[in-house]
């Protein structure tokens, strides 16, 4: 039996990223996938009004700009219909896709349910005590614990300290039954605001908001799926042979030159080995 797949795209950059306009390769390729595969449905969950190319060719919805990518994915879950065995791909739209073959690769690894979630490049692990003050609270000066950012109906899940493996919201693949198990994604349910650095300068708290949501979900993934259920397409931050995650619309980031591949067990990698492009020379 061939199971259905849903690709939920977090829409923000659309055709404008990497300081260029009319960059439609990602959209055009998704249109081809959407049109030529009866078992795949693409849905654009947008945080601002999408361009006509998206409106005319996909199912889409405009959501309140709260919760960054984790928030818009979870809101889309509430508006779509799923079967338990459906494959679910969540992906941001500022991505450089080198090979869409990752769809089939992820399906093959997820189909037996031993692997429950797959990310792109490996990400930093984190030890979380959900009853301690969250880093975002430090900037907001609100004395909020991690658990205080969790939806009330899910706060019972956040009790003990957990060593969390994490997967960024830029890309993840799983199945609907696993999302049901954890009752969806968590996110900071508040508009972005500003913080004050030690030198008195003000800055937008995008990273603290985003990382708080990321690690709340990492906690649930790690606790309820188990560490052995994780896989990544690469051990390189943001990058794999299949795709490169942009940083706020930029393909190349200054820290790339100093970010070495993670030294992780090979069983975490989707094919059990490093790709040449991941090896630091």
Protein backbone atom coordinates (compact mmCIF):
# COMPACT_ATOMS: atom_id res chain seq x y z
CA UNK A 1 0.00 0.00 0.00
CA UNK A 2 1.30 3.42 -0.94
CA UNK A 3 0.69 5.91 1.85
CA UNK A 4 -0.14 9.54 1.30
CA UNK A 5 2.23 12.39 2.02
CA UNK A 6 1.55 15.98 2.96
CA UNK A 7 4.17 18.67 2.50
CA UNK A 8 3.44 21.70 4.68
CA UNK A 9 5.42 24.74 3.63
CA UNK A 10 6.01 27.63 6.02
CA UNK A 11 5.51 30.56 3.65
CA UNK A 12 7.34 33.81 4.31
CA UNK A 13 10.08 34.48 1.78
CA UNK A 14 8.24 33.10 -1.27
CA UNK A 15 10.28 34.26 -4.31
CA UNK A 16 12.53 36.76 -2.51
CA UNK A 17 15.57 35.50 -0.65
CA UNK A 18 19.36 35.56 -0.76
CA UNK A 19 19.02 39.27 -1.65
CA UNK A 20 17.41 38.37 -4.97
CA UNK A 21 13.90 38.62 -6.36
CA UNK A 22 11.89 36.27 -8.57
CA UNK A 23 13.59 33.16 -7.20
CA UNK A 24 10.87 30.66 -8.06
CA UNK A 25 12.79 27.37 -8.41
CA UNK A 26 11.56 26.06 -5.07
CA UNK A 27 7.95 26.96 -5.89
CA UNK A 28 8.12 25.64 -9.45
CA UNK A 29 9.57 22.32 -8.32
CA UNK A 30 6.91 21.94 -5.63
CA UNK A 31 4.23 22.64 -8.23
CA UNK A 32 5.58 19.82 -10.37
CA UNK A 33 5.59 17.45 -7.39
CA UNK A 34 2.09 18.51 -6.39
CA UNK A 35 0.70 18.12 -9.90
CA UNK A 36 2.40 14.86 -10.85
CA UNK A 37 1.96 12.78 -7.69
CA UNK A 38 -1.54 11.74 -6.67
CA UNK A 39 -0.25 10.62 -3.26
CA UNK A 40 1.40 13.95 -2.41
CA UNK A 41 -0.41 17.13 -1.38
CA UNK A 42 1.41 20.44 -0.88
CA UNK A 43 -0.10 23.01 1.46
CA UNK A 44 1.32 26.50 1.99
CA UNK A 45 0.86 27.75 5.57
CA UNK A 46 1.72 31.43 5.22
CA UNK A 47 2.63 34.14 7.68
CA UNK A 48 2.07 36.87 5.11
CA UNK A 49 0.10 37.21 1.88
CA UNK A 50 1.56 34.81 -0.72
CA UNK A 51 2.35 35.69 -4.30
CA UNK A 52 0.00 34.77 -7.14
CA UNK A 53 2.18 31.84 -8.23
CA UNK A 54 1.32 30.17 -4.93
CA UNK A 55 -2.31 31.30 -4.79
CA UNK A 56 -2.99 29.97 -8.29
CA UNK A 57 -1.34 26.57 -7.91
CA UNK A 58 -1.61 25.34 -4.32
CA UNK A 59 -3.90 25.03 -1.38
CA UNK A 60 -2.87 27.73 1.08
CA UNK A 61 -3.97 29.72 4.09
CA UNK A 62 -2.81 32.94 5.72
CA UNK A 63 -2.24 32.66 9.48
CA UNK A 64 -1.54 35.19 12.18
CA UNK A 65 2.21 35.81 12.30
CA UNK A 66 2.76 34.20 15.70
CA UNK A 67 4.86 31.19 16.60
CA UNK A 68 7.33 31.27 13.69
CA UNK A 69 7.57 27.98 11.76
CA UNK A 70 6.49 25.70 14.63
CA UNK A 71 3.38 27.78 15.18
CA UNK A 72 2.29 27.80 11.55
CA UNK A 73 2.89 24.06 11.15
CA UNK A 74 0.71 23.31 14.16
CA UNK A 75 -2.06 25.60 12.96
CA UNK A 76 -1.98 23.87 9.58
CA UNK A 77 -2.35 20.50 11.35
CA UNK A 78 -5.68 21.72 12.68
CA UNK A 79 -6.92 22.65 9.19
CA UNK A 80 -5.86 19.54 7.28
CA UNK A 81 -7.15 15.99 7.32
CA UNK A 82 -4.75 13.11 7.94
CA UNK A 83 -4.70 9.35 8.17
CA UNK A 84 -2.48 7.89 10.88
CA UNK A 85 0.02 6.43 8.41
CA UNK A 86 0.39 9.60 6.33
CA UNK A 87 3.91 10.93 5.91
CA UNK A 88 4.22 14.56 7.01
CA UNK A 89 6.97 16.84 5.71
CA UNK A 90 7.37 20.30 7.26
CA UNK A 91 9.67 22.67 5.41
CA UNK A 92 10.42 26.38 5.25
CA UNK A 93 10.34 28.13 1.90
CA UNK A 94 13.84 29.65 2.02
CA UNK A 95 15.49 26.39 1.06
CA UNK A 96 17.88 25.43 -1.71
CA UNK A 97 16.82 21.95 -2.81
CA UNK A 98 19.57 20.00 -4.56
CA UNK A 99 17.67 16.73 -4.88
CA UNK A 100 14.00 16.14 -4.11
CA UNK A 101 14.84 12.45 -3.71
CA UNK A 102 14.84 13.08 0.04
CA UNK A 103 11.06 12.53 -0.04
CA UNK A 104 11.42 8.88 -1.05
CA UNK A 105 14.46 8.39 1.18
CA UNK A 106 12.55 9.63 4.24
CA UNK A 107 9.49 7.54 3.39
CA UNK A 108 11.60 4.37 3.21
CA UNK A 109 13.09 5.05 6.64
CA UNK A 110 9.83 6.06 8.30
CA UNK A 111 7.61 3.33 6.93
CA UNK A 112 8.53 0.66 9.51
CA UNK A 113 7.95 3.05 12.47
CA UNK A 114 11.31 2.28 14.07
CA UNK A 115 12.44 5.69 12.86
CA UNK A 116 9.89 8.33 13.86
CA UNK A 117 11.47 11.62 12.87
CA UNK A 118 14.10 12.80 10.39
CA UNK A 119 15.86 16.16 10.18
CA UNK A 120 18.21 17.70 7.64
CA UNK A 121 21.58 18.63 9.17
CA UNK A 122 22.32 17.63 12.75
CA UNK A 123 21.55 20.21 15.41
CA UNK A 124 22.81 20.99 18.90
CA UNK A 125 21.50 18.74 21.72
CA UNK A 126 20.24 20.32 24.92
CA UNK A 127 19.63 19.21 28.51
CA UNK A 128 16.28 20.66 29.55
CA UNK A 129 14.70 20.89 32.97
CA UNK A 130 11.24 22.19 32.04
CA UNK A 131 10.75 23.61 35.52
CA UNK A 132 13.74 25.94 35.21
CA UNK A 133 13.67 29.44 33.76
CA UNK A 134 13.78 29.49 29.96
CA UNK A 135 16.40 31.53 28.13
CA UNK A 136 13.67 33.60 26.47
CA UNK A 137 12.46 34.61 29.93
CA UNK A 138 15.93 35.97 30.67
CA UNK A 139 15.53 38.45 27.82
CA UNK A 140 11.88 39.24 28.54
CA UNK A 141 12.47 39.52 32.31
CA UNK A 142 9.30 37.53 32.96
CA UNK A 143 10.59 34.66 35.16
CA UNK A 144 8.89 32.11 32.91
CA UNK A 145 9.85 28.46 33.09
CA UNK A 146 10.11 26.34 29.94
CA UNK A 147 6.82 24.66 30.80
CA UNK A 148 5.07 28.03 30.97
CA UNK A 149 5.43 28.35 27.19
CA UNK A 150 3.71 24.98 26.64
CA UNK A 151 0.03 24.82 25.73
CA UNK A 152 -1.97 24.13 28.94
CA UNK A 153 -3.31 20.80 27.68
CA UNK A 154 0.27 19.54 27.18
CA UNK A 155 1.99 20.85 30.30
CA UNK A 156 1.64 17.46 32.01
CA UNK A 157 4.19 16.13 29.49
CA UNK A 158 6.90 18.44 30.84
CA UNK A 159 8.10 17.30 34.26
CA UNK A 160 11.49 15.63 34.49
CA UNK A 161 14.84 16.69 33.07
CA UNK A 162 15.49 15.23 29.60
CA UNK A 163 18.60 15.13 27.42
CA UNK A 164 17.10 16.38 24.18
CA UNK A 165 18.10 15.60 20.64
CA UNK A 166 16.85 18.40 18.44
CA UNK A 167 15.60 18.86 14.90
CA UNK A 168 15.21 22.30 13.42
CA UNK A 169 11.88 23.44 12.07
CA UNK A 170 13.49 24.27 8.74
CA UNK A 171 12.84 20.67 7.71
CA UNK A 172 11.50 17.56 9.34
CA UNK A 173 9.78 14.39 8.20
CA UNK A 174 7.59 12.15 10.32
CA UNK A 175 4.19 10.43 10.24
CA UNK A 176 0.88 11.73 11.45
CA UNK A 177 0.53 9.01 14.10
CA UNK A 178 3.69 10.31 15.79
CA UNK A 179 2.48 13.92 15.75
CA UNK A 180 -0.77 12.71 17.32
CA UNK A 181 1.20 10.94 20.05
CA UNK A 182 2.69 14.25 21.23
CA UNK A 183 -0.47 16.26 20.51
CA UNK A 184 1.13 18.50 17.92
CA UNK A 185 3.95 21.01 18.16
CA UNK A 186 4.68 23.58 20.85
CA UNK A 187 5.52 27.21 20.10
CA UNK A 188 5.82 30.55 21.85
CA UNK A 189 2.31 31.86 21.42
CA UNK A 190 3.14 35.56 21.43
CA UNK A 191 4.21 38.15 18.84
CA UNK A 192 7.93 38.74 18.45
CA UNK A 193 9.20 41.43 20.77
CA UNK A 194 12.49 43.14 21.58
CA UNK A 195 15.11 42.44 24.22
CA UNK A 196 17.89 44.53 25.70
CA UNK A 197 21.51 43.38 25.47
CA UNK A 198 23.98 43.93 28.28
CA UNK A 199 25.32 47.01 26.48
CA UNK A 200 21.85 48.54 26.37
CA UNK A 201 21.16 47.96 22.67
CA UNK A 202 17.73 46.68 21.64
CA UNK A 203 17.27 43.69 19.32
CA UNK A 204 14.44 41.54 17.97
CA UNK A 205 14.21 38.25 19.87
CA UNK A 206 13.91 35.99 16.82
CA UNK A 207 16.51 33.47 17.97
CA UNK A 208 15.29 33.22 21.60
CA UNK A 209 11.68 32.83 20.44
CA UNK A 210 12.64 30.27 17.79
CA UNK A 211 15.01 28.29 19.99
CA UNK A 212 12.48 28.11 22.81
CA UNK A 213 9.96 26.50 20.44
CA UNK A 214 12.65 24.27 18.92
CA UNK A 215 13.72 22.82 22.27
CA UNK A 216 10.19 22.42 23.61
CA UNK A 217 9.53 20.17 20.63
CA UNK A 218 12.92 18.50 21.01
CA UNK A 219 11.87 17.62 24.55
CA UNK A 220 8.70 15.90 23.35
CA UNK A 221 10.45 14.17 20.44
CA UNK A 222 13.17 12.82 22.75
CA UNK A 223 10.87 11.80 25.61
CA UNK A 224 8.08 10.20 23.62
CA UNK A 225 9.84 8.93 20.50
CA UNK A 226 13.13 7.87 22.09
CA UNK A 227 16.65 8.76 21.02
CA UNK A 228 16.91 5.66 18.83
CA UNK A 229 14.05 6.92 16.64
CA UNK A 230 15.94 9.97 15.29
CA UNK A 231 17.75 10.23 11.97
CA UNK A 232 19.38 13.10 10.09
CA UNK A 233 20.24 13.50 6.43
CA UNK A 234 23.66 14.86 7.35
CA UNK A 235 25.97 15.59 10.28
CA UNK A 236 26.56 19.12 8.96
CA UNK A 237 24.63 22.05 10.42
CA UNK A 238 21.95 23.28 7.96
CA UNK A 239 23.28 21.27 5.02
CA UNK A 240 22.97 17.86 3.40
CA UNK A 241 23.40 16.39 -0.06
CA UNK A 242 19.67 17.01 -0.57
CA UNK A 243 19.18 20.58 0.64
CA UNK A 244 20.61 23.69 2.26
CA UNK A 245 18.59 25.58 4.84
CA UNK A 246 18.90 29.33 4.46
CA UNK A 247 19.34 31.63 7.43
CA UNK A 248 16.56 34.23 7.26
CA UNK A 249 16.62 34.16 3.51
CA UNK A 250 20.41 33.92 3.08
CA UNK A 251 22.13 30.86 1.64
CA UNK A 252 25.61 31.55 2.99
CA UNK A 253 26.11 32.61 6.58
CA UNK A 254 29.30 34.05 8.15
CA UNK A 255 29.52 31.24 10.70
CA UNK A 256 29.56 28.54 8.01
CA UNK A 257 33.34 28.76 7.62
CA UNK A 258 33.83 28.00 11.33
CA UNK A 259 31.12 25.37 11.79
CA UNK A 260 32.59 21.88 11.56
CA UNK A 261 30.44 18.76 11.05
CA UNK A 262 29.21 17.19 14.26
CA UNK A 263 31.03 14.11 15.49
CA UNK A 264 28.01 11.86 16.00
CA UNK A 265 27.38 8.10 15.92
CA UNK A 266 26.94 6.87 12.36
CA UNK A 267 23.62 5.25 13.21
CA UNK A 268 22.15 8.75 13.48
CA UNK A 269 22.87 9.40 9.81
CA UNK A 270 20.27 8.40 7.26
CA UNK A 271 22.67 6.22 5.27
CA UNK A 272 25.05 5.46 8.10
CA UNK A 273 28.01 7.38 6.72
CA UNK A 274 29.27 10.88 6.06
CA UNK A 275 29.05 12.50 2.66
CA UNK A 276 32.19 13.99 1.22
CA UNK A 277 30.73 17.48 1.27
CA UNK A 278 30.16 17.14 5.03
CA UNK A 279 33.80 16.39 5.79
CA UNK A 280 35.91 19.31 6.91
CA UNK A 281 39.11 19.58 4.87
